[in-house]
Amino acid sequence: MNKNNDNKEIITITGIPIPHHYFKNSLSRDYYINNTYFIKNDINEFYEFYNKFNLYYKDKKIQIKKNQNVIFLNDVPVDIEIKDKNGEIKNKLCTLKEIKFSFVRSLNKENILTINITVD
């Protein structure tokens, strides 16, 4: 269960730009925080994708930082579906503080990605 600072349960987050075609299994298009995913591409191609995203979607510009094997996206506008303490589900437009994509190579030389999200 994921909770934000108001202790509300986050059910889904939509609107995060993700290059689905870079994933080895891109059929589901559902991604979960702290899960690992096998990817076809490396960190440089993801970084290039996000820079191109900013060129084409100037109204949704996000901050991008690359540090060794990690890409940080900051100030990402999304739609969050949350459940409050009374069990009521609501949609809320907000800006994610940070999305962290961590890249590693397995012993079999496969590229692996882990996604972490910080909701403010």
PDB file of N, CA and C in Angstrom:
ATOM      1  N   MET A   1       0.844  -1.167   0.000  1.00  0.00           N
ATOM      2  CA  MET A   1       0.000   0.000   0.000  1.00  0.00           C
ATOM      3  C   MET A   1       0.896   1.238   0.000  1.00  0.00           C
ATOM      4  N   ASN A   2       0.604   2.168  -0.878  1.00  0.00           N
ATOM      5  CA  ASN A   2       1.361   3.409  -0.959  1.00  0.00           C
ATOM      6  C   ASN A   2       0.524   4.523  -0.357  1.00  0.00           C
ATOM      7  N   LYS A   3       1.156   5.342   0.475  1.00  0.00           N
ATOM      8  CA  LYS A   3       0.449   6.453   1.106  1.00  0.00           C
ATOM      9  C   LYS A   3       1.199   7.739   0.822  1.00  0.00           C
ATOM     10  N   ASN A   4       0.431   8.838   0.724  1.00  0.00           N
ATOM     11  CA  ASN A   4       1.068  10.136   0.573  1.00  0.00           C
ATOM     12  C   ASN A   4       1.209  10.785   1.939  1.00  0.00           C
ATOM     13  N   ASN A   5       1.641  12.048   1.969  1.00  0.00           N
ATOM     14  CA  ASN A   5       1.890  12.721   3.248  1.00  0.00           C
ATOM     15  C   ASN A   5       0.614  12.937   4.066  1.00  0.00           C
ATOM     16  N   ASP A   6      -0.560  12.916   3.414  1.00  0.00           N
ATOM     17  CA  ASP A   6      -1.828  13.083   4.116  1.00  0.00           C
ATOM     18  C   ASP A   6      -2.365  11.747   4.610  1.00  0.00           C
ATOM     19  N   ASN A   7      -1.558  10.685   4.499  1.00  0.00           N
ATOM     20  CA  ASN A   7      -1.919   9.335   4.915  1.00  0.00           C
ATOM     21  C   ASN A   7      -3.125   8.790   4.149  1.00  0.00           C
ATOM     22  N   LYS A   8      -3.235   9.194   2.876  1.00  0.00           N
ATOM     23  CA  LYS A   8      -4.278   8.672   2.006  1.00  0.00           C
ATOM     24  C   LYS A   8      -3.668   7.599   1.126  1.00  0.00           C
ATOM     25  N   GLU A   9      -4.420   6.548   0.874  1.00  0.00           N
ATOM     26  CA  GLU A   9      -3.925   5.454   0.056  1.00  0.00           C
ATOM     27  C   GLU A   9      -3.943   5.854  -1.419  1.00  0.00           C
ATOM     28  N   ILE A  10      -2.806   5.686  -2.088  1.00  0.00           N
ATOM     29  CA  ILE A  10      -2.718   5.972  -3.515  1.00  0.00           C
ATOM     30  C   ILE A  10      -3.060   4.686  -4.257  1.00  0.00           C
ATOM     31  N   ILE A  11      -4.096   4.757  -5.091  1.00  0.00           N
ATOM     32  CA  ILE A  11      -4.537   3.578  -5.829  1.00  0.00           C
ATOM     33  C   ILE A  11      -3.828   3.495  -7.171  1.00  0.00           C
ATOM     34  N   THR A  12      -3.892   4.551  -7.962  1.00  0.00           N
ATOM     35  CA  THR A  12      -3.185   4.588  -9.246  1.00  0.00           C
ATOM     36  C   THR A  12      -2.643   5.982  -9.507  1.00  0.00           C
ATOM     37  N   ILE A  13      -1.584   6.011 -10.313  1.00  0.00           N
ATOM     38  CA  ILE A  13      -1.023   7.269 -10.801  1.00  0.00           C
ATOM     39  C   ILE A  13      -0.978   7.143 -12.317  1.00  0.00           C
ATOM     40  N   THR A  14      -1.596   8.086 -13.013  1.00  0.00           N
ATOM     41  CA  THR A  14      -1.572   8.068 -14.476  1.00  0.00           C
ATOM     42  C   THR A  14      -0.969   9.360 -14.999  1.00  0.00           C
ATOM     43  N   GLY A  15      -0.402   9.266 -16.194  1.00  0.00           N
ATOM     44  CA  GLY A  15       0.156  10.451 -16.830  1.00  0.00           C
ATOM     45  C   GLY A  15       1.665  10.524 -16.797  1.00  0.00           C
ATOM     46  N   ILE A  16       2.332   9.520 -16.220  1.00  0.00           N
ATOM     47  CA  ILE A  16       3.793   9.511 -16.211  1.00  0.00           C
ATOM     48  C   ILE A  16       4.269   9.089 -17.601  1.00  0.00           C
ATOM     49  N   PRO A  17       5.077   9.911 -18.247  1.00  0.00           N
ATOM     50  CA  PRO A  17       5.578   9.507 -19.567  1.00  0.00           C
ATOM     51  C   PRO A  17       6.587   8.362 -19.433  1.00  0.00           C
ATOM     52  N   ILE A  18       6.238   7.210 -19.965  1.00  0.00           N
ATOM     53  CA  ILE A  18       7.111   6.033 -19.884  1.00  0.00           C
ATOM     54  C   ILE A  18       7.254   5.452 -21.289  1.00  0.00           C
ATOM     55  N   PRO A  19       8.485   5.226 -21.739  1.00  0.00           N
ATOM     56  CA  PRO A  19       8.686   4.630 -23.075  1.00  0.00           C
ATOM     57  C   PRO A  19       8.408   3.115 -23.047  1.00  0.00           C
ATOM     58  N   HIS A  20       7.142   2.752 -23.161  1.00  0.00           N
ATOM     59  CA  HIS A  20       6.727   1.346 -23.052  1.00  0.00           C
ATOM     60  C   HIS A  20       7.486   0.439 -24.016  1.00  0.00           C
ATOM     61  N   HIS A  21       7.822   0.954 -25.180  1.00  0.00           N
ATOM     62  CA  HIS A  21       8.497   0.143 -26.197  1.00  0.00           C
ATOM     63  C   HIS A  21       9.932  -0.222 -25.807  1.00  0.00           C
ATOM     64  N   TYR A  22      10.459   0.360 -24.742  1.00  0.00           N
ATOM     65  CA  TYR A  22      11.799   0.007 -24.260  1.00  0.00           C
ATOM     66  C   TYR A  22      11.777  -1.198 -23.319  1.00  0.00           C
ATOM     67  N   PHE A  23      10.591  -1.592 -22.881  1.00  0.00           N
ATOM     68  CA  PHE A  23      10.461  -2.709 -21.953  1.00  0.00           C
ATOM     69  C   PHE A  23      10.376  -4.025 -22.729  1.00  0.00           C
ATOM     70  N   LYS A  24      10.989  -5.066 -22.195  1.00  0.00           N
ATOM     71  CA  LYS A  24      10.939  -6.366 -22.876  1.00  0.00           C
ATOM     72  C   LYS A  24       9.521  -6.911 -22.909  1.00  0.00           C
ATOM     73  N   ASN A  25       8.752  -6.695 -21.846  1.00  0.00           N
ATOM     74  CA  ASN A  25       7.352  -7.098 -21.829  1.00  0.00           C
ATOM     75  C   ASN A  25       6.516  -5.838 -21.671  1.00  0.00           C
ATOM     76  N   SER A  26       6.152  -5.240 -22.781  1.00  0.00           N
ATOM     77  CA  SER A  26       5.424  -3.971 -22.737  1.00  0.00           C
ATOM     78  C   SER A  26       3.931  -4.157 -22.951  1.00  0.00           C
ATOM     79  N   LEU A  27       3.433  -5.371 -22.816  1.00  0.00           N
ATOM     80  CA  LEU A  27       2.022  -5.628 -23.074  1.00  0.00           C
ATOM     81  C   LEU A  27       1.103  -5.046 -22.009  1.00  0.00           C
ATOM     82  N   SER A  28       1.474  -5.147 -20.750  1.00  0.00           N
ATOM     83  CA  SER A  28       0.545  -4.734 -19.694  1.00  0.00           C
ATOM     84  C   SER A  28       0.490  -3.216 -19.535  1.00  0.00           C
ATOM     85  N   ARG A  29       1.603  -2.548 -19.633  1.00  0.00           N
ATOM     86  CA  ARG A  29       1.716  -1.102 -19.419  1.00  0.00           C
ATOM     87  C   ARG A  29       1.339  -0.678 -18.008  1.00  0.00           C
ATOM     88  N   ASP A  30       1.291  -1.638 -17.104  1.00  0.00           N
ATOM     89  CA  ASP A  30       1.098  -1.348 -15.688  1.00  0.00           C
ATOM     90  C   ASP A  30       2.439  -1.567 -15.005  1.00  0.00           C
ATOM     91  N   TYR A  31       2.899  -0.553 -14.293  1.00  0.00           N
ATOM     92  CA  TYR A  31       4.183  -0.638 -13.629  1.00  0.00           C
ATOM     93  C   TYR A  31       3.980  -0.350 -12.155  1.00  0.00           C
ATOM     94  N   TYR A  32       4.760  -1.002 -11.317  1.00  0.00           N
ATOM     95  CA  TYR A  32       4.593  -0.887  -9.877  1.00  0.00           C
ATOM     96  C   TYR A  32       5.883  -0.384  -9.245  1.00  0.00           C
ATOM     97  N   ILE A  33       5.714   0.419  -8.217  1.00  0.00           N
ATOM     98  CA  ILE A  33       6.851   0.991  -7.503  1.00  0.00           C
ATOM     99  C   ILE A  33       7.671  -0.128  -6.867  1.00  0.00           C
ATOM    100  N   ASN A  34       8.969   0.001  -6.978  1.00  0.00           N
ATOM    101  CA  ASN A  34       9.960  -0.919  -6.409  1.00  0.00           C
ATOM    102  C   ASN A  34       9.992  -2.296  -7.068  1.00  0.00           C
ATOM    103  N   ASN A  35       9.265  -2.500  -8.150  1.00  0.00           N
ATOM    104  CA  ASN A  35       9.402  -3.736  -8.920  1.00  0.00           C
ATOM    105  C   ASN A  35      10.548  -3.562  -9.906  1.00  0.00           C
ATOM    106  N   THR A  36      11.124  -4.673 -10.342  1.00  0.00           N
ATOM    107  CA  THR A  36      12.170  -4.604 -11.359  1.00  0.00           C
ATOM    108  C   THR A  36      11.597  -5.041 -12.696  1.00  0.00           C
ATOM    109  N   TYR A  37      12.090  -4.424 -13.757  1.00  0.00           N
ATOM    110  CA  TYR A  37      11.616  -4.691 -15.116  1.00  0.00           C
ATOM    111  C   TYR A  37      12.809  -4.884 -16.036  1.00  0.00           C
ATOM    112  N   PHE A  38      12.708  -5.883 -16.900  1.00  0.00           N
ATOM    113  CA  PHE A  38      13.740  -6.087 -17.905  1.00  0.00           C
ATOM    114  C   PHE A  38      13.465  -5.132 -19.058  1.00  0.00           C
ATOM    115  N   ILE A  39      14.512  -4.441 -19.477  1.00  0.00           N
ATOM    116  CA  ILE A  39      14.360  -3.457 -20.541  1.00  0.00           C
ATOM    117  C   ILE A  39      15.321  -3.765 -21.686  1.00  0.00           C
ATOM    118  N   LYS A  40      14.945  -3.300 -22.871  1.00  0.00           N
ATOM    119  CA  LYS A  40      15.753  -3.523 -24.076  1.00  0.00           C
ATOM    120  C   LYS A  40      16.861  -2.482 -24.189  1.00  0.00           C
ATOM    121  N   ASN A  41      16.612  -1.312 -23.653  1.00  0.00           N
ATOM    122  CA  ASN A  41      17.502  -0.184 -23.847  1.00  0.00           C
ATOM    123  C   ASN A  41      18.252   0.158 -22.570  1.00  0.00           C
ATOM    124  N   ASP A  42      19.208   1.062 -22.692  1.00  0.00           N
ATOM    125  CA  ASP A  42      19.991   1.446 -21.520  1.00  0.00           C
ATOM    126  C   ASP A  42      19.603   2.840 -21.047  1.00  0.00           C
ATOM    127  N   ILE A  43      20.300   3.321 -20.030  1.00  0.00           N
ATOM    128  CA  ILE A  43      19.988   4.613 -19.419  1.00  0.00           C
ATOM    129  C   ILE A  43      20.090   5.763 -20.426  1.00  0.00           C
ATOM    130  N   ASN A  44      21.039   5.692 -21.344  1.00  0.00           N
ATOM    131  CA  ASN A  44      21.228   6.779 -22.304  1.00  0.00           C
ATOM    132  C   ASN A  44      20.017   6.952 -23.217  1.00  0.00           C
ATOM    133  N   GLU A  45      19.408   5.854 -23.624  1.00  0.00           N
ATOM    134  CA  GLU A  45      18.235   5.947 -24.491  1.00  0.00           C
ATOM    135  C   GLU A  45      17.021   6.465 -23.725  1.00  0.00           C
ATOM    136  N   PHE A  46      16.897   6.085 -22.452  1.00  0.00           N
ATOM    137  CA  PHE A  46      15.824   6.644 -21.631  1.00  0.00           C
ATOM    138  C   PHE A  46      16.028   8.148 -21.449  1.00  0.00           C
ATOM    139  N   TYR A  47      17.254   8.543 -21.188  1.00  0.00           N
ATOM    140  CA  TYR A  47      17.571   9.958 -20.996  1.00  0.00           C
ATOM    141  C   TYR A  47      17.238  10.749 -22.273  1.00  0.00           C
ATOM    142  N   GLU A  48      17.581  10.196 -23.406  1.00  0.00           N
ATOM    143  CA  GLU A  48      17.267  10.835 -24.689  1.00  0.00           C
ATOM    144  C   GLU A  48      15.755  10.932 -24.884  1.00  0.00           C
ATOM    145  N   PHE A  49      15.021   9.876 -24.511  1.00  0.00           N
ATOM    146  CA  PHE A  49      13.556   9.892 -24.616  1.00  0.00           C
ATOM    147  C   PHE A  49      12.979  11.072 -23.832  1.00  0.00           C
ATOM    148  N   TYR A  50      13.421  11.273 -22.586  1.00  0.00           N
ATOM    149  CA  TYR A  50      12.866  12.341 -21.752  1.00  0.00           C
ATOM    150  C   TYR A  50      13.273  13.724 -22.250  1.00  0.00           C
ATOM    151  N   ASN A  51      14.446  13.845 -22.821  1.00  0.00           N
ATOM    152  CA  ASN A  51      14.820  15.131 -23.418  1.00  0.00           C
ATOM    153  C   ASN A  51      13.959  15.432 -24.641  1.00  0.00           C
ATOM    154  N   LYS A  52      13.684  14.415 -25.452  1.00  0.00           N
ATOM    155  CA  LYS A  52      12.779  14.606 -26.604  1.00  0.00           C
ATOM    156  C   LYS A  52      11.365  14.917 -26.133  1.00  0.00           C
ATOM    157  N   PHE A  53      10.929  14.274 -25.058  1.00  0.00           N
ATOM    158  CA  PHE A  53       9.609  14.547 -24.493  1.00  0.00           C
ATOM    159  C   PHE A  53       9.478  16.032 -24.186  1.00  0.00           C
ATOM    160  N   ASN A  54      10.496  16.607 -23.558  1.00  0.00           N
ATOM    161  CA  ASN A  54      10.464  18.033 -23.220  1.00  0.00           C
ATOM    162  C   ASN A  54      10.437  18.915 -24.461  1.00  0.00           C
ATOM    163  N   LEU A  55      11.071  18.481 -25.542  1.00  0.00           N
ATOM    164  CA  LEU A  55      11.042  19.259 -26.782  1.00  0.00           C
ATOM    165  C   LEU A  55       9.646  19.292 -27.405  1.00  0.00           C
ATOM    166  N   TYR A  56       8.956  18.161 -27.377  1.00  0.00           N
ATOM    167  CA  TYR A  56       7.653  18.046 -28.023  1.00  0.00           C
ATOM    168  C   TYR A  56       6.496  18.503 -27.146  1.00  0.00           C
ATOM    169  N   TYR A  57       6.622  18.378 -25.839  1.00  0.00           N
ATOM    170  CA  TYR A  57       5.543  18.735 -24.916  1.00  0.00           C
ATOM    171  C   TYR A  57       6.003  19.859 -24.007  1.00  0.00           C
ATOM    172  N   LYS A  58       6.162  21.019 -24.583  1.00  0.00           N
ATOM    173  CA  LYS A  58       6.679  22.167 -23.832  1.00  0.00           C
ATOM    174  C   LYS A  58       5.739  22.597 -22.710  1.00  0.00           C
ATOM    175  N   ASP A  59       4.441  22.311 -22.840  1.00  0.00           N
ATOM    176  CA  ASP A  59       3.484  22.677 -21.800  1.00  0.00           C
ATOM    177  C   ASP A  59       3.532  21.726 -20.606  1.00  0.00           C
ATOM    178  N   LYS A  60       4.193  20.575 -20.750  1.00  0.00           N
ATOM    179  CA  LYS A  60       4.322  19.591 -19.667  1.00  0.00           C
ATOM    180  C   LYS A  60       5.788  19.362 -19.307  1.00  0.00           C
ATOM    181  N   LYS A  61       6.581  20.392 -19.430  1.00  0.00           N
ATOM    182  CA  LYS A  61       8.030  20.261 -19.225  1.00  0.00           C
ATOM    183  C   LYS A  61       8.355  19.721 -17.830  1.00  0.00           C
ATOM    184  N   ILE A  62       9.246  18.726 -17.806  1.00  0.00           N
ATOM    185  CA  ILE A  62       9.681  18.121 -16.555  1.00  0.00           C
ATOM    186  C   ILE A  62      11.185  18.319 -16.405  1.00  0.00           C
ATOM    187  N   GLN A  63      11.643  18.344 -15.169  1.00  0.00           N
ATOM    188  CA  GLN A  63      13.078  18.464 -14.917  1.00  0.00           C
ATOM    189  C   GLN A  63      13.697  17.077 -14.997  1.00  0.00           C
ATOM    190  N   ILE A  64      14.825  16.972 -15.703  1.00  0.00           N
ATOM    191  CA  ILE A  64      15.501  15.694 -15.906  1.00  0.00           C
ATOM    192  C   ILE A  64      16.940  15.818 -15.422  1.00  0.00           C
ATOM    193  N   LYS A  65      17.359  14.845 -14.611  1.00  0.00           N
ATOM    194  CA  LYS A  65      18.762  14.780 -14.179  1.00  0.00           C
ATOM    195  C   LYS A  65      19.243  13.344 -14.358  1.00  0.00           C
ATOM    196  N   LYS A  66      20.470  13.213 -14.790  1.00  0.00           N
ATOM    197  CA  LYS A  66      21.071  11.889 -14.940  1.00  0.00           C
ATOM    198  C   LYS A  66      22.311  11.844 -14.067  1.00  0.00           C
ATOM    199  N   ASN A  67      22.422  10.774 -13.264  1.00  0.00           N
ATOM    200  CA  ASN A  67      23.549  10.630 -12.355  1.00  0.00           C
ATOM    201  C   ASN A  67      23.977   9.166 -12.374  1.00  0.00           C
ATOM    202  N   GLN A  68      25.037   8.861 -13.035  1.00  0.00           N
ATOM    203  CA  GLN A  68      25.560   7.504 -13.196  1.00  0.00           C
ATOM    204  C   GLN A  68      24.476   6.563 -13.704  1.00  0.00           C
ATOM    205  N   ASN A  69      23.898   5.720 -12.844  1.00  0.00           N
ATOM    206  CA  ASN A  69      22.904   4.737 -13.277  1.00  0.00           C
ATOM    207  C   ASN A  69      21.486   5.100 -12.853  1.00  0.00           C
ATOM    208  N   VAL A  70      21.230   6.396 -12.679  1.00  0.00           N
ATOM    209  CA  VAL A  70      19.910   6.833 -12.224  1.00  0.00           C
ATOM    210  C   VAL A  70      19.458   8.039 -13.040  1.00  0.00           C
ATOM    211  N   ILE A  71      18.176   8.030 -13.399  1.00  0.00           N
ATOM    212  CA  ILE A  71      17.541   9.212 -13.992  1.00  0.00           C
ATOM    213  C   ILE A  71      16.500   9.696 -13.000  1.00  0.00           C
ATOM    214  N   PHE A  72      16.537  11.000 -12.718  1.00  0.00           N
ATOM    215  CA  PHE A  72      15.558  11.636 -11.841  1.00  0.00           C
ATOM    216  C   PHE A  72      14.664  12.531 -12.687  1.00  0.00           C
ATOM    217  N   LEU A  73      13.356  12.364 -12.539  1.00  0.00           N
ATOM    218  CA  LEU A  73      12.390  13.270 -13.136  1.00  0.00           C
ATOM    219  C   LEU A  73      11.737  14.019 -11.991  1.00  0.00           C
ATOM    220  N   ASN A  74      11.722  15.344 -12.075  1.00  0.00           N
ATOM    221  CA  ASN A  74      11.126  16.156 -11.022  1.00  0.00           C
ATOM    222  C   ASN A  74       9.995  16.999 -11.588  1.00  0.00           C
ATOM    223  N   ASP A  75       9.031  17.278 -10.738  1.00  0.00           N
ATOM    224  CA  ASP A  75       7.888  18.124 -11.087  1.00  0.00           C
ATOM    225  C   ASP A  75       7.108  17.553 -12.270  1.00  0.00           C
ATOM    226  N   VAL A  76       6.663  16.295 -12.129  1.00  0.00           N
ATOM    227  CA  VAL A  76       5.940  15.601 -13.196  1.00  0.00           C
ATOM    228  C   VAL A  76       4.435  15.723 -12.930  1.00  0.00           C
ATOM    229  N   PRO A  77       3.685  16.401 -13.837  1.00  0.00           N
ATOM    230  CA  PRO A  77       2.237  16.527 -13.644  1.00  0.00           C
ATOM    231  C   PRO A  77       1.539  15.191 -13.924  1.00  0.00           C
ATOM    232  N   VAL A  78       0.689  14.758 -12.978  1.00  0.00           N
ATOM    233  CA  VAL A  78      -0.005  13.474 -13.099  1.00  0.00           C
ATOM    234  C   VAL A  78      -1.412  13.585 -12.514  1.00  0.00           C
ATOM    235  N   ASP A  79      -2.175  12.518 -12.713  1.00  0.00           N
ATOM    236  CA  ASP A  79      -3.486  12.366 -12.095  1.00  0.00           C
ATOM    237  C   ASP A  79      -3.363  11.206 -11.109  1.00  0.00           C
ATOM    238  N   ILE A  80      -3.723  11.439  -9.853  1.00  0.00           N
ATOM    239  CA  ILE A  80      -3.628  10.404  -8.825  1.00  0.00           C
ATOM    240  C   ILE A  80      -5.029  10.054  -8.339  1.00  0.00           C
ATOM    241  N   GLU A  81      -5.286   8.759  -8.268  1.00  0.00           N
ATOM    242  CA  GLU A  81      -6.530   8.271  -7.680  1.00  0.00           C
ATOM    243  C   GLU A  81      -6.218   7.868  -6.248  1.00  0.00           C
ATOM    244  N   ILE A  82      -6.894   8.506  -5.286  1.00  0.00           N
ATOM    245  CA  ILE A  82      -6.598   8.250  -3.875  1.00  0.00           C
ATOM    246  C   ILE A  82      -7.851   7.819  -3.127  1.00  0.00           C
ATOM    247  N   LYS A  83      -7.628   7.095  -2.042  1.00  0.00           N
ATOM    248  CA  LYS A  83      -8.716   6.692  -1.151  1.00  0.00           C
ATOM    249  C   LYS A  83      -8.463   7.365   0.183  1.00  0.00           C
ATOM    250  N   ASP A  84      -9.433   8.151   0.645  1.00  0.00           N
ATOM    251  CA  ASP A  84      -9.240   8.843   1.922  1.00  0.00           C
ATOM    252  C   ASP A  84      -9.589   7.927   3.092  1.00  0.00           C
ATOM    253  N   LYS A  85      -9.484   8.452   4.317  1.00  0.00           N
ATOM    254  CA  LYS A  85      -9.696   7.629   5.518  1.00  0.00           C
ATOM    255  C   LYS A  85     -11.123   7.107   5.628  1.00  0.00           C
ATOM    256  N   ASN A  86     -12.075   7.731   4.920  1.00  0.00           N
ATOM    257  CA  ASN A  86     -13.465   7.275   4.928  1.00  0.00           C
ATOM    258  C   ASN A  86     -13.736   6.255   3.826  1.00  0.00           C
ATOM    259  N   GLY A  87     -12.705   5.921   3.033  1.00  0.00           N
ATOM    260  CA  GLY A  87     -12.863   4.950   1.956  1.00  0.00           C
ATOM    261  C   GLY A  87     -13.362   5.549   0.657  1.00  0.00           C
ATOM    262  N   GLU A  88     -13.519   6.875   0.618  1.00  0.00           N
ATOM    263  CA  GLU A  88     -13.986   7.538  -0.594  1.00  0.00           C
ATOM    264  C   GLU A  88     -12.827   7.696  -1.579  1.00  0.00           C
ATOM    265  N   ILE A  89     -13.076   7.351  -2.845  1.00  0.00           N
ATOM    266  CA  ILE A  89     -12.049   7.442  -3.880  1.00  0.00           C
ATOM    267  C   ILE A  89     -12.238   8.727  -4.674  1.00  0.00           C
ATOM    268  N   LYS A  90     -11.142   9.462  -4.847  1.00  0.00           N
ATOM    269  CA  LYS A  90     -11.175  10.733  -5.572  1.00  0.00           C
ATOM    270  C   LYS A  90      -9.994  10.808  -6.523  1.00  0.00           C
ATOM    271  N   ASN A  91     -10.164  11.545  -7.611  1.00  0.00           N
ATOM    272  CA  ASN A  91      -9.060  11.839  -8.523  1.00  0.00           C
ATOM    273  C   ASN A  91      -8.526  13.220  -8.188  1.00  0.00           C
ATOM    274  N   LYS A  92      -7.214  13.347  -8.262  1.00  0.00           N
ATOM    275  CA  LYS A  92      -6.573  14.613  -7.912  1.00  0.00           C
ATOM    276  C   LYS A  92      -5.444  14.869  -8.898  1.00  0.00           C
ATOM    277  N   LEU A  93      -5.443  16.051  -9.511  1.00  0.00           N
ATOM    278  CA  LEU A  93      -4.326  16.460 -10.350  1.00  0.00           C
ATOM    279  C   LEU A  93      -3.243  16.999  -9.436  1.00  0.00           C
ATOM    280  N   CYS A  94      -2.026  16.538  -9.640  1.00  0.00           N
ATOM    281  CA  CYS A  94      -0.934  17.029  -8.804  1.00  0.00           C
ATOM    282  C   CYS A  94       0.388  16.903  -9.552  1.00  0.00           C
ATOM    283  N   THR A  95       1.438  17.321  -8.910  1.00  0.00           N
ATOM    284  CA  THR A  95       2.781  17.235  -9.465  1.00  0.00           C
ATOM    285  C   THR A  95       3.606  16.319  -8.565  1.00  0.00           C
ATOM    286  N   LEU A  96       4.180  15.277  -9.160  1.00  0.00           N
ATOM    287  CA  LEU A  96       5.040  14.384  -8.391  1.00  0.00           C
ATOM    288  C   LEU A  96       6.355  15.076  -8.110  1.00  0.00           C
ATOM    289  N   LYS A  97       6.813  14.974  -6.899  1.00  0.00           N
ATOM    290  CA  LYS A  97       8.085  15.584  -6.510  1.00  0.00           C
ATOM    291  C   LYS A  97       9.242  14.942  -7.272  1.00  0.00           C
ATOM    292  N   GLU A  98       9.245  13.583  -7.316  1.00  0.00           N
ATOM    293  CA  GLU A  98      10.362  12.911  -7.978  1.00  0.00           C
ATOM    294  C   GLU A  98       9.982  11.503  -8.423  1.00  0.00           C
ATOM    295  N   ILE A  99      10.442  11.154  -9.614  1.00  0.00           N
ATOM    296  CA  ILE A  99      10.399   9.781 -10.109  1.00  0.00           C
ATOM    297  C   ILE A  99      11.847   9.384 -10.342  1.00  0.00           C
ATOM    298  N   LYS A 100      12.215   8.247  -9.792  1.00  0.00           N
ATOM    299  CA  LYS A 100      13.609   7.790  -9.891  1.00  0.00           C
ATOM    300  C   LYS A 100      13.638   6.470 -10.657  1.00  0.00           C
ATOM    301  N   PHE A 101      14.366   6.460 -11.770  1.00  0.00           N
ATOM    302  CA  PHE A 101      14.582   5.262 -12.562  1.00  0.00           C
ATOM    303  C   PHE A 101      16.016   4.789 -12.305  1.00  0.00           C
ATOM    304  N   SER A 102      16.166   3.635 -11.683  1.00  0.00           N
ATOM    305  CA  SER A 102      17.488   3.078 -11.401  1.00  0.00           C
ATOM    306  C   SER A 102      17.780   1.954 -12.387  1.00  0.00           C
ATOM    307  N   PHE A 103      18.965   1.992 -12.984  1.00  0.00           N
ATOM    308  CA  PHE A 103      19.364   1.031 -14.012  1.00  0.00           C
ATOM    309  C   PHE A 103      20.524   0.184 -13.514  1.00  0.00           C
ATOM    310  N   VAL A 104      20.418  -1.126 -13.695  1.00  0.00           N
ATOM    311  CA  VAL A 104      21.516  -2.049 -13.376  1.00  0.00           C
ATOM    312  C   VAL A 104      21.583  -3.102 -14.478  1.00  0.00           C
ATOM    313  N   ARG A 105      22.704  -3.789 -14.513  1.00  0.00           N
ATOM    314  CA  ARG A 105      22.867  -4.919 -15.436  1.00  0.00           C
ATOM    315  C   ARG A 105      22.946  -6.198 -14.629  1.00  0.00           C
ATOM    316  N   SER A 106      22.191  -7.198 -15.052  1.00  0.00           N
ATOM    317  CA  SER A 106      22.194  -8.478 -14.342  1.00  0.00           C
ATOM    318  C   SER A 106      23.456  -9.257 -14.684  1.00  0.00           C
ATOM    319  N   LEU A 107      23.653 -10.353 -13.989  1.00  0.00           N
ATOM    320  CA  LEU A 107      24.794 -11.225 -14.282  1.00  0.00           C
ATOM    321  C   LEU A 107      24.701 -11.795 -15.699  1.00  0.00           C
ATOM    322  N   ASN A 108      23.479 -11.880 -16.214  1.00  0.00           N
ATOM    323  CA  ASN A 108      23.265 -12.369 -17.586  1.00  0.00           C
ATOM    324  C   ASN A 108      23.361 -11.244 -18.612  1.00  0.00           C
ATOM    325  N   LYS A 109      23.827 -10.073 -18.164  1.00  0.00           N
ATOM    326  CA  LYS A 109      24.005  -8.890 -19.017  1.00  0.00           C
ATOM    327  C   LYS A 109      22.690  -8.343 -19.558  1.00  0.00           C
ATOM    328  N   GLU A 110      21.611  -8.518 -18.789  1.00  0.00           N
ATOM    329  CA  GLU A 110      20.332  -7.931 -19.159  1.00  0.00           C
ATOM    330  C   GLU A 110      20.170  -6.613 -18.411  1.00  0.00           C
ATOM    331  N   ASN A 111      19.570  -5.638 -19.084  1.00  0.00           N
ATOM    332  CA  ASN A 111      19.312  -4.347 -18.463  1.00  0.00           C
ATOM    333  C   ASN A 111      18.053  -4.450 -17.600  1.00  0.00           C
ATOM    334  N   ILE A 112      18.166  -3.950 -16.364  1.00  0.00           N
ATOM    335  CA  ILE A 112      17.056  -4.005 -15.416  1.00  0.00           C
ATOM    336  C   ILE A 112      16.767  -2.594 -14.912  1.00  0.00           C
ATOM    337  N   LEU A 113      15.483  -2.276 -14.791  1.00  0.00           N
ATOM    338  CA  LEU A 113      15.033  -0.967 -14.336  1.00  0.00           C
ATOM    339  C   LEU A 113      14.165  -1.127 -13.090  1.00  0.00           C
ATOM    340  N   THR A 114      14.362  -0.236 -12.110  1.00  0.00           N
ATOM    341  CA  THR A 114      13.489  -0.138 -10.934  1.00  0.00           C
ATOM    342  C   THR A 114      12.946   1.280 -10.892  1.00  0.00           C
ATOM    343  N   ILE A 115      11.648   1.408 -10.575  1.00  0.00           N
ATOM    344  CA  ILE A 115      10.991   2.706 -10.533  1.00  0.00           C
ATOM    345  C   ILE A 115      10.607   3.031  -9.090  1.00  0.00           C
ATOM    346  N   ASN A 116      10.963   4.233  -8.631  1.00  0.00           N
ATOM    347  CA  ASN A 116      10.561   4.737  -7.309  1.00  0.00           C
ATOM    348  C   ASN A 116       9.919   6.102  -7.492  1.00  0.00           C
ATOM    349  N   ILE A 117       8.893   6.377  -6.712  1.00  0.00           N
ATOM    350  CA  ILE A 117       8.163   7.640  -6.833  1.00  0.00           C
ATOM    351  C   ILE A 117       8.044   8.301  -5.470  1.00  0.00           C
ATOM    352  N   THR A 118       8.291   9.608  -5.436  1.00  0.00           N
ATOM    353  CA  THR A 118       8.090  10.393  -4.229  1.00  0.00           C
ATOM    354  C   THR A 118       6.916  11.335  -4.490  1.00  0.00           C
ATOM    355  N   VAL A 119       5.842  11.138  -3.716  1.00  0.00           N
ATOM    356  CA  VAL A 119       4.661  12.002  -3.816  1.00  0.00           C
ATOM    357  C   VAL A 119       4.765  13.005  -2.692  1.00  0.00           C
ATOM    358  N   ASP A 120       4.621  14.268  -3.025  1.00  0.00           N
ATOM    359  CA  ASP A 120       4.747  15.308  -2.007  1.00  0.00           C
ATOM    360  C   ASP A 120       3.450  15.478  -1.257  1.00  0.00           C
TER     361      ASP A 120
END
